[in-house]
Amino acid sequence: MVLSGIFGYLIGGAVIGILARFLKPGADPMGWILTIVLGIAGAFVGSWISTTLGIASGWLKWVVAIAAAVVLLFIYEALRKKKS
């Protein structure tokens, strides 16, 4: 049971991360593991935002999670450029 939940988060995180990278313009030199981590983080942030705003629709929660992942991708890119 727990393993299926973890596997679900990995698959969901991968989908959200890939969609976020597809929607954000520009090159994103990151691997698939970081893409999954970005998607999982976007899902957590999106879930928190959805709960805060009272969004109950499953599709709207996915949209908010993808939007949150895009924002996290911009933040990651800004921090990465700052280091260089």
Protein backbone atom coordinates (compact mmCIF):
# COMPACT_ATOMS: atom_id res chain seq x y z
CA MET A 1 0.00 0.00 0.00
CA VAL A 2 2.71 2.50 0.95
CA LEU A 3 4.82 1.46 -2.04
CA SER A 4 1.96 2.24 -4.43
CA GLY A 5 1.61 5.69 -2.85
CA ILE A 6 5.29 6.42 -3.32
CA PHE A 7 5.15 5.11 -6.88
CA GLY A 8 2.13 7.34 -7.53
CA TYR A 9 4.00 10.40 -6.30
CA LEU A 10 6.97 9.52 -8.52
CA ILE A 11 4.78 9.12 -11.61
CA GLY A 12 2.70 12.20 -10.79
CA GLY A 13 5.85 14.21 -10.06
CA ALA A 14 7.39 13.13 -13.36
CA VAL A 15 4.26 14.15 -15.29
CA ILE A 16 4.00 17.51 -13.52
CA GLY A 17 7.73 18.18 -13.91
CA ILE A 18 7.73 17.29 -17.62
CA LEU A 19 4.68 19.46 -18.29
CA ALA A 20 6.24 22.36 -16.37
CA ARG A 21 9.46 22.08 -18.37
CA PHE A 22 7.45 21.88 -21.59
CA LEU A 23 5.42 25.00 -20.74
CA LYS A 24 8.35 27.14 -19.57
CA PRO A 25 10.25 28.79 -22.41
CA GLY A 26 14.01 28.39 -22.72
CA ALA A 27 16.47 25.58 -22.18
CA ASP A 28 16.47 23.76 -18.85
CA PRO A 29 19.62 21.68 -18.46
CA MET A 30 18.43 19.32 -15.75
CA GLY A 31 18.15 15.57 -15.64
CA TRP A 32 15.10 13.42 -15.20
CA ILE A 33 15.63 12.95 -11.45
CA LEU A 34 15.63 16.70 -10.85
CA THR A 35 12.57 16.98 -13.11
CA ILE A 36 10.73 14.45 -10.91
CA VAL A 37 11.83 16.28 -7.74
CA LEU A 38 10.64 19.56 -9.25
CA GLY A 39 7.28 17.97 -10.11
CA ILE A 40 6.84 16.51 -6.62
CA ALA A 41 7.69 19.89 -5.06
CA GLY A 42 5.23 21.56 -7.44
CA ALA A 43 2.57 19.04 -6.44
CA PHE A 44 3.09 19.76 -2.74
CA VAL A 45 3.07 23.54 -3.23
CA GLY A 46 0.11 23.30 -5.60
CA SER A 47 -1.79 21.13 -3.12
CA TRP A 48 -1.19 23.67 -0.37
CA ILE A 49 -2.32 26.55 -2.61
CA SER A 50 -5.39 24.59 -3.76
CA THR A 51 -6.38 23.82 -0.17
CA THR A 52 -5.82 27.44 0.86
CA LEU A 53 -7.98 28.71 -2.01
CA GLY A 54 -10.65 26.04 -1.48
CA ILE A 55 -10.19 24.41 -4.88
CA ALA A 56 -11.85 20.99 -4.89
CA SER A 57 -11.76 20.04 -8.58
CA GLY A 58 -9.14 17.44 -9.48
CA TRP A 59 -8.31 19.09 -12.80
CA LEU A 60 -7.85 22.51 -11.23
CA LYS A 61 -5.54 20.99 -8.62
CA TRP A 62 -3.37 19.59 -11.45
CA VAL A 63 -3.30 23.00 -13.15
CA VAL A 64 -2.27 24.69 -9.90
CA ALA A 65 0.42 22.04 -9.30
CA ILE A 66 1.83 22.51 -12.81
CA ALA A 67 1.79 26.29 -12.39
CA ALA A 68 3.59 25.93 -9.06
CA ALA A 69 6.20 23.70 -10.71
CA VAL A 70 6.75 26.32 -13.44
CA VAL A 71 7.29 28.97 -10.77
CA LEU A 72 9.71 26.64 -8.95
CA LEU A 73 11.51 26.10 -12.25
CA PHE A 74 11.96 29.87 -12.66
CA ILE A 75 13.28 30.09 -9.09
CA TYR A 76 15.67 27.18 -9.68
CA GLU A 77 16.97 28.81 -12.84
CA ALA A 78 17.45 32.18 -11.10
CA LEU A 79 19.37 30.55 -8.23
CA ARG A 80 21.47 28.53 -10.67
CA LYS A 81 22.43 31.65 -12.65
CA LYS A 82 23.23 33.50 -9.43
CA LYS A 83 25.76 30.79 -8.45
CA SER A 84 27.54 30.92 -11.81
